[in-house]
Protein backbone atom coordinates (compact mmCIF):
# COMPACT_ATOMS: atom_id res chain seq x y z
CA MET A 1 7.04 -34.58 63.97
CA SER A 2 6.92 -33.31 59.76
CA GLN A 3 4.95 -36.14 57.92
CA GLN A 4 6.79 -35.05 54.93
CA PRO A 5 9.84 -36.68 52.39
CA ILE A 6 13.21 -35.71 54.88
CA GLU A 7 14.01 -32.04 55.33
CA ILE A 8 17.45 -32.21 55.39
CA ASP A 9 18.36 -28.58 54.44
CA ASP A 10 16.09 -25.25 55.47
CA GLN A 11 16.89 -22.02 54.62
CA GLU A 12 14.96 -18.87 54.98
CA ALA A 13 15.47 -15.02 54.63
CA LEU A 14 13.94 -13.09 57.22
CA PRO A 15 10.25 -12.64 56.31
CA SER A 16 9.23 -8.71 54.68
CA ASP A 17 5.79 -6.76 55.76
CA ASP A 18 4.52 -6.74 52.15
CA GLU A 19 4.60 -10.28 51.29
CA GLY A 20 0.69 -10.01 51.83
CA GLU A 21 -1.39 -13.17 52.25
CA THR A 22 -1.38 -16.53 50.69
CA THR A 23 -3.97 -18.95 49.80
CA GLU A 24 -2.13 -21.83 49.82
CA GLU A 25 -3.63 -23.22 53.00
CA ALA A 26 -5.98 -25.87 51.38
CA PRO A 27 -4.63 -29.15 49.06
CA PRO A 28 -5.19 -28.68 45.73
CA ARG A 29 -7.78 -31.01 43.81
CA MET A 30 -5.71 -33.72 42.54
CA SER A 31 -6.10 -34.11 39.10
CA SER A 32 -6.45 -37.17 37.03
CA GLU A 33 -3.84 -39.06 34.93
CA PRO A 34 -4.18 -38.21 30.73
CA GLU A 35 -5.33 -41.34 29.26
CA HIS A 36 -2.85 -43.12 27.09
CA HIS A 37 -3.57 -43.35 23.39
CA SER A 38 -1.56 -46.01 21.36
CA GLY A 39 -0.76 -44.52 18.04
CA SER A 40 1.39 -45.45 15.04
CA GLU A 41 4.75 -43.28 14.93
CA GLU A 42 6.15 -42.21 11.80
CA SER A 43 10.30 -43.19 11.43
CA LYS A 44 10.93 -39.56 9.93
CA THR A 45 10.75 -36.36 10.86
CA SER A 46 7.17 -34.18 10.53
CA THR A 47 5.85 -30.63 10.94
CA ARG A 48 2.69 -29.19 11.71
CA SER A 49 1.44 -25.75 12.80
CA LEU A 50 -0.14 -24.64 16.10
CA SER A 51 -1.66 -20.98 16.75
CA GLY A 52 0.83 -20.19 13.96
CA SER A 53 3.69 -21.72 15.15
CA PHE A 54 5.77 -24.85 13.75
CA LEU A 55 6.65 -27.73 15.43
CA GLU A 56 9.12 -30.43 14.51
CA GLU A 57 9.07 -34.21 15.50
CA HIS A 58 11.60 -36.26 15.53
CA PHE A 59 11.98 -40.07 16.36
CA GLU A 60 14.77 -41.81 17.93
CA ASN A 61 14.85 -45.09 19.47
CA GLY A 62 11.26 -45.55 19.75
CA ARG A 63 10.71 -42.26 21.28
CA ARG A 64 9.23 -38.89 20.25
CA TYR A 65 11.13 -35.75 20.52
CA CYS A 66 9.89 -31.88 19.96
CA ASN A 67 13.07 -31.08 18.35
CA GLU A 68 17.12 -31.74 17.92
CA THR A 69 18.08 -30.26 21.00
CA TYR A 70 16.17 -31.20 24.59
CA TYR A 71 16.92 -34.72 26.11
CA MET A 72 13.51 -35.41 27.05
CA PRO A 73 10.87 -37.10 24.49
CA ASN A 74 7.18 -35.57 24.71
CA ASP A 75 5.42 -38.97 23.45
CA GLU A 76 2.25 -40.47 25.53
CA PRO A 77 4.05 -42.30 28.13
CA GLU A 78 6.25 -38.74 28.83
CA GLN A 79 2.83 -37.23 28.88
CA ILE A 80 1.62 -39.84 31.64
CA ARG A 81 5.01 -39.57 33.59
CA LEU A 82 4.87 -35.96 34.15
CA ALA A 83 1.33 -36.10 35.51
CA ILE A 84 2.54 -38.71 38.06
CA VAL A 85 5.58 -36.69 38.74
CA HIS A 86 3.33 -33.30 39.74
CA GLN A 87 1.03 -35.87 41.74
CA ALA A 88 4.45 -36.86 43.53
CA TYR A 89 5.14 -33.40 44.23
CA LEU A 90 2.28 -32.92 46.38
CA PRO A 91 3.23 -34.80 49.38
CA VAL A 92 6.65 -32.99 49.44
CA LEU A 93 4.69 -29.56 49.68
CA ASP A 94 2.37 -30.97 52.29
CA GLY A 95 -0.34 -30.62 49.40
CA ARG A 96 0.37 -27.35 48.11
CA LEU A 97 1.19 -25.75 45.15
CA THR A 98 4.31 -23.60 45.86
CA LEU A 99 6.77 -23.10 48.67
CA ALA A 100 6.81 -19.59 48.00
CA ARG A 101 4.32 -17.06 49.67
CA VAL A 102 2.14 -16.28 46.99
CA PRO A 103 -0.41 -13.25 47.74
CA SER A 104 -4.05 -13.79 47.19
CA SER A 105 -3.47 -10.43 45.23
CA THR A 106 -1.66 -11.91 42.49
CA ARG A 107 -2.86 -11.25 39.05
CA ARG A 108 -0.17 -12.84 36.50
CA ILE A 109 1.97 -15.61 36.78
CA LEU A 110 4.18 -17.70 34.40
CA ASP A 111 4.65 -21.28 33.97
CA VAL A 112 7.56 -22.06 32.45
CA GLY A 113 8.23 -25.78 31.26
CA THR A 114 4.83 -26.33 31.62
CA GLY A 115 4.83 -29.75 30.19
CA THR A 116 1.06 -31.45 30.37
CA GLY A 117 0.00 -28.20 32.38
CA GLU A 118 -0.98 -30.14 35.23
CA TRP A 119 0.64 -27.41 37.72
CA ALA A 120 -0.60 -24.64 35.51
CA MET A 121 -4.44 -25.81 35.94
CA ALA A 122 -4.21 -26.61 39.37
CA MET A 123 -3.17 -23.43 39.93
CA ALA A 124 -5.70 -21.61 37.96
CA GLU A 125 -8.08 -23.02 39.80
CA ARG A 126 -6.64 -21.83 43.22
CA PHE A 127 -5.97 -18.55 42.27
CA ASN A 128 -8.70 -18.37 39.59
CA HIS A 129 -9.06 -14.70 39.48
CA ALA A 130 -5.37 -14.47 37.81
CA GLU A 131 -4.24 -15.00 34.51
CA ILE A 132 -1.73 -17.86 34.28
CA ILE A 133 0.42 -17.93 31.27
CA ALA A 134 1.67 -21.99 30.58
CA THR A 135 4.35 -21.93 28.02
CA ASP A 136 6.51 -24.97 26.63
CA ILE A 137 8.34 -25.72 23.60
CA THR A 138 5.91 -28.71 22.47
CA SER A 139 2.15 -28.72 22.15
CA VAL A 140 1.56 -31.93 24.56
CA PHE A 141 -0.62 -29.71 26.48
CA GLN A 142 -4.20 -29.17 25.29
CA PRO A 143 -5.26 -25.43 24.34
CA GLY A 144 -8.87 -24.74 25.65
CA SER A 145 -9.15 -28.08 28.08
CA GLY A 146 -8.24 -26.13 31.10
CA PRO A 147 -9.85 -23.76 33.35
CA PRO A 148 -10.63 -20.08 31.02
CA ASN A 149 -8.03 -18.43 33.24
CA VAL A 150 -4.96 -20.45 31.73
CA GLU A 151 -3.20 -19.22 28.40
CA PHE A 152 -1.14 -22.15 26.91
CA GLU A 153 1.64 -20.60 24.64
CA LEU A 154 4.50 -21.97 22.31
CA ASP A 155 7.43 -20.33 23.63
CA ASP A 156 11.20 -20.87 23.84
CA ALA A 157 11.92 -19.61 27.18
CA GLU A 158 15.97 -19.52 25.60
CA GLU A 159 14.89 -16.47 23.45
CA GLU A 160 14.03 -13.44 24.57
CA TRP A 161 10.73 -12.96 26.50
CA THR A 162 8.26 -10.67 25.30
CA TYR A 163 5.76 -10.20 27.86
CA ASN A 164 4.43 -6.48 27.98
CA ASP A 165 3.06 -6.50 31.75
CA PRO A 166 4.93 -7.60 34.34
CA LEU A 167 4.63 -11.06 36.16
CA ASN A 168 3.73 -11.22 39.93
CA PHE A 169 4.89 -14.95 40.11
CA ILE A 170 7.29 -17.34 37.66
CA HIS A 171 7.38 -21.12 38.06
CA LEU A 172 10.04 -23.42 36.69
CA ARG A 173 9.66 -27.11 37.59
CA ASP A 174 12.23 -29.80 36.62
CA MET A 175 14.17 -28.33 33.79
CA SER A 176 17.55 -28.98 34.55
CA GLY A 177 19.28 -30.20 31.26
CA ALA A 178 16.95 -27.90 29.59
CA PHE A 179 19.14 -24.69 28.87
CA ALA A 180 23.01 -23.80 27.88
CA ASN A 181 22.21 -21.02 29.65
CA TRP A 182 20.79 -20.46 32.95
CA ASN A 183 22.23 -16.87 33.59
CA PHE A 184 20.16 -15.56 30.71
CA ILE A 185 17.47 -17.25 32.32
CA TYR A 186 17.32 -15.72 35.46
CA ALA A 187 18.21 -11.90 33.87
CA GLU A 188 14.75 -12.47 31.85
CA VAL A 189 13.21 -13.61 35.00
CA TYR A 190 14.25 -10.63 36.99
CA LYS A 191 13.42 -8.58 33.67
CA HIS A 192 9.80 -9.47 33.87
CA LEU A 193 8.73 -10.07 37.21
CA THR A 194 7.12 -7.04 38.99
CA ILE A 195 8.86 -5.74 42.08
CA GLY A 196 7.78 -7.57 45.03
CA GLY A 197 7.71 -10.81 42.46
CA SER A 198 8.89 -14.20 42.91
CA VAL A 199 9.99 -16.86 41.09
CA GLU A 200 10.32 -20.56 42.28
CA ILE A 201 12.90 -23.13 40.75
CA ALA A 202 12.54 -26.53 41.44
CA ASP A 203 14.74 -29.43 40.22
CA ARG A 204 15.85 -32.98 41.27
CA GLY A 205 19.53 -34.23 41.49
CA MET A 206 20.59 -37.91 40.42
CA ILE A 207 19.20 -41.33 42.08
CA GLN A 208 20.87 -41.90 45.41
CA LEU A 209 21.35 -45.11 47.03
CA LYS A 210 21.48 -44.81 51.16
CA ASN A 211 23.22 -48.80 50.97
CA GLU A 212 24.78 -48.22 47.80
CA PRO A 213 26.42 -51.68 46.20
CA PRO A 214 30.16 -52.02 45.04
CA ASN A 215 30.25 -51.46 41.14
CA SER A 216 26.37 -49.52 41.49
CA TYR A 217 24.59 -49.80 38.14
CA VAL A 218 22.95 -46.42 39.62
CA LYS A 219 26.59 -44.78 40.29
CA ALA A 220 27.50 -45.76 36.73
CA PHE A 221 24.03 -44.28 35.16
CA ASN A 222 24.53 -41.35 36.82
CA GLY A 223 28.01 -40.71 35.92
CA ALA A 224 26.77 -41.28 31.91
CA LEU A 225 24.20 -39.01 32.00
CA GLN A 226 26.41 -36.52 33.49
CA SER A 227 29.13 -36.80 30.98
CA ALA A 228 26.67 -36.65 28.18
CA ALA A 229 25.04 -33.95 29.20
CA GLU A 230 28.06 -31.42 29.71
CA LYS A 231 28.82 -32.76 25.91
CA ALA A 232 25.21 -31.57 24.95
CA GLY A 233 26.25 -28.08 26.34
CA ARG A 234 23.00 -28.70 28.79
CA PRO A 235 24.61 -29.80 32.17
CA ILE A 236 22.34 -31.84 34.31
CA GLY A 237 22.74 -31.71 38.19
CA LEU A 238 21.64 -28.78 40.91
CA GLU A 239 24.11 -26.08 40.34
CA HIS A 240 21.47 -24.14 38.48
CA LEU A 241 20.26 -23.37 41.82
CA GLU A 242 23.27 -21.77 43.65
CA ARG A 243 22.74 -18.76 45.50
CA PRO A 244 25.57 -16.55 43.74
CA MET A 245 24.22 -17.22 40.30
CA ILE A 246 20.75 -16.34 40.88
CA GLU A 247 21.99 -13.20 42.85
CA ARG A 248 23.83 -11.88 40.25
CA ALA A 249 20.86 -11.45 38.18
CA GLY A 250 19.68 -9.33 40.66
CA LEU A 251 17.22 -11.33 42.70
CA SER A 252 17.20 -11.43 46.48
CA PHE A 253 16.98 -14.67 48.41
CA SER A 254 13.70 -15.83 50.16
CA LYS A 255 14.24 -19.53 50.96
CA SER A 256 15.40 -22.75 50.01
CA ARG A 257 14.46 -26.02 50.99
CA THR A 258 16.24 -29.54 50.17
CA PHE A 259 14.33 -32.98 50.41
CA GLU A 260 15.30 -36.54 50.42
CA VAL A 261 12.41 -38.14 48.42
CA PRO A 262 12.34 -41.68 49.01
CA LEU A 263 12.48 -44.19 46.32
CA GLY A 264 9.85 -47.20 47.47
CA THR A 265 7.38 -47.82 49.97
CA TYR A 266 10.53 -48.78 52.46
CA PRO A 267 9.47 -45.49 54.82
CA THR A 268 7.57 -46.22 57.93
CA ASP A 269 5.35 -42.91 57.80
CA PRO A 270 2.45 -43.50 55.78
CA VAL A 271 2.47 -40.15 53.91
CA ARG A 272 6.39 -40.62 53.51
CA LYS A 273 5.51 -44.06 51.68
CA VAL A 274 2.96 -42.87 49.71
CA ALA A 275 5.03 -40.22 48.47
CA GLY A 276 7.68 -42.83 47.62
CA LYS A 277 5.35 -44.76 45.89
CA MET A 278 4.71 -42.00 43.24
CA ALA A 279 8.23 -41.07 42.98
CA MET A 280 9.57 -44.41 42.77
CA ILE A 281 6.57 -44.96 39.38
CA ALA A 282 8.18 -41.91 38.03
CA THR A 283 11.31 -41.98 38.44
CA LEU A 284 11.38 -45.67 36.63
CA GLU A 285 9.05 -44.75 34.22
CA GLY A 286 11.84 -42.15 33.35
CA LEU A 287 14.78 -44.11 33.44
CA GLU A 288 15.03 -44.45 29.51
CA ALA A 289 13.48 -41.10 28.84
CA VAL A 290 16.36 -39.27 30.55
CA SER A 291 18.98 -41.33 28.97
CA LEU A 292 18.11 -42.17 25.79
CA ARG A 293 18.70 -39.51 23.57
CA LEU A 294 21.75 -38.19 25.92
CA LEU A 295 23.64 -41.42 25.61
CA THR A 296 22.96 -42.63 22.32
CA ARG A 297 23.63 -39.10 20.67
CA HIS A 298 26.76 -37.93 22.77
CA LEU A 299 28.51 -40.74 23.89
CA ALA A 300 27.52 -43.25 20.97
CA TRP A 301 25.66 -45.94 23.28
CA LYS A 302 23.40 -48.51 21.43
CA GLU A 303 20.32 -48.25 22.30
CA GLU A 304 20.25 -51.90 23.59
CA ASP A 305 22.93 -50.71 25.85
CA VAL A 306 21.30 -48.06 27.43
CA LYS A 307 17.95 -50.44 27.94
CA ASN A 308 19.87 -52.91 29.42
CA LEU A 309 21.54 -50.24 32.01
CA CYS A 310 18.21 -48.55 32.98
CA ALA A 311 17.03 -52.70 33.36
CA LYS A 312 20.00 -52.73 35.73
CA VAL A 313 19.39 -49.31 37.81
CA GLN A 314 15.69 -50.55 38.03
CA GLU A 315 16.48 -53.57 39.96
CA GLU A 316 18.65 -51.24 42.48
CA VAL A 317 16.51 -48.87 42.71
CA MET A 318 13.55 -51.61 43.78
CA ASN A 319 15.55 -53.38 46.37
CA PRO A 320 14.53 -51.54 49.56
CA ASP A 321 17.48 -52.55 51.20
CA SER A 322 19.23 -49.68 48.97
CA CYS A 323 16.82 -47.11 50.55
CA ALA A 324 17.10 -45.33 46.89
CA PHE A 325 16.23 -41.54 47.15
CA ILE A 326 16.24 -38.55 44.84
CA PRO A 327 17.22 -34.95 46.55
CA LEU A 328 14.82 -32.27 45.93
CA GLN A 329 15.57 -28.78 46.20
CA ILE A 330 13.51 -25.81 45.82
CA VAL A 331 14.55 -22.20 45.87
CA VAL A 332 12.62 -18.97 46.11
CA TYR A 333 13.84 -15.45 45.37
CA ARG A 334 11.96 -12.15 45.11
CA LYS A 335 12.47 -8.97 43.30
CA MET A 336 13.03 -6.30 45.77
CA MET A 337 14.16 -3.15 43.42
């Protein structure tokens, strides 16, 4: 019996002969969480420079953001949450870093939206002969602090990609709500992949309750988030993982997995119990992070009302009788020609 979170959908294309060997056999080294350093926050926008690029810092509702559009904060609490999210993915993938078959001959890997760089640094250790390019619109990563084969870059994936050499593998994780035009993203992926190269996109859906109470706060929370994201022009959800959209860019389907990741320790299986604990911590820590800017800016909610709803959602999710979970979908596509 599988020790992973419940896999509820499994689709895979027929394997081709040129996929090569994979080095994804042993679990990666578990990286430690970053330290949480407290510090004062400015009450106005500031500008700072890194590698010749300028980054804006915006402060709203007690959280720090990297620009005027992206809905997730980039402050210290969010950095800690991202480290936990990375650890929560590992049990789902049975200790592996990817669902895709990444050949041992891989030379160039791109991680789009790297965040704190946890995945990129772990991948660099596994593929120590490869060049790992880790990009983000904010500099929460620490340039020079990772393995020597990781290159952190400030870059906006919604602008034309400028990589001169083709990429063997491209990775995007938890980018739902980040882009206004996924068709553009997939076109750039196709343009910069080498023939035979792969892209893996992983995203989580909305919180679900198997035993949902009447007038559920989780349901109200999900509806508000989706409405606000639509108004922002950057929808959240899993629609961007639909096969027709990705295939229109010229990419060929390889595989898709959908999991029910438990939120909490209610599963009886010990591995799923650990996965559920990590996933619940990351989810509860992210309630305000995911909702504050969206609901205050696009639905004109008050900060206090957002936080009150988050507290109610937390109560429902922590109730073991609710059997809360999050659907997680991971898809892999290849450039065949």
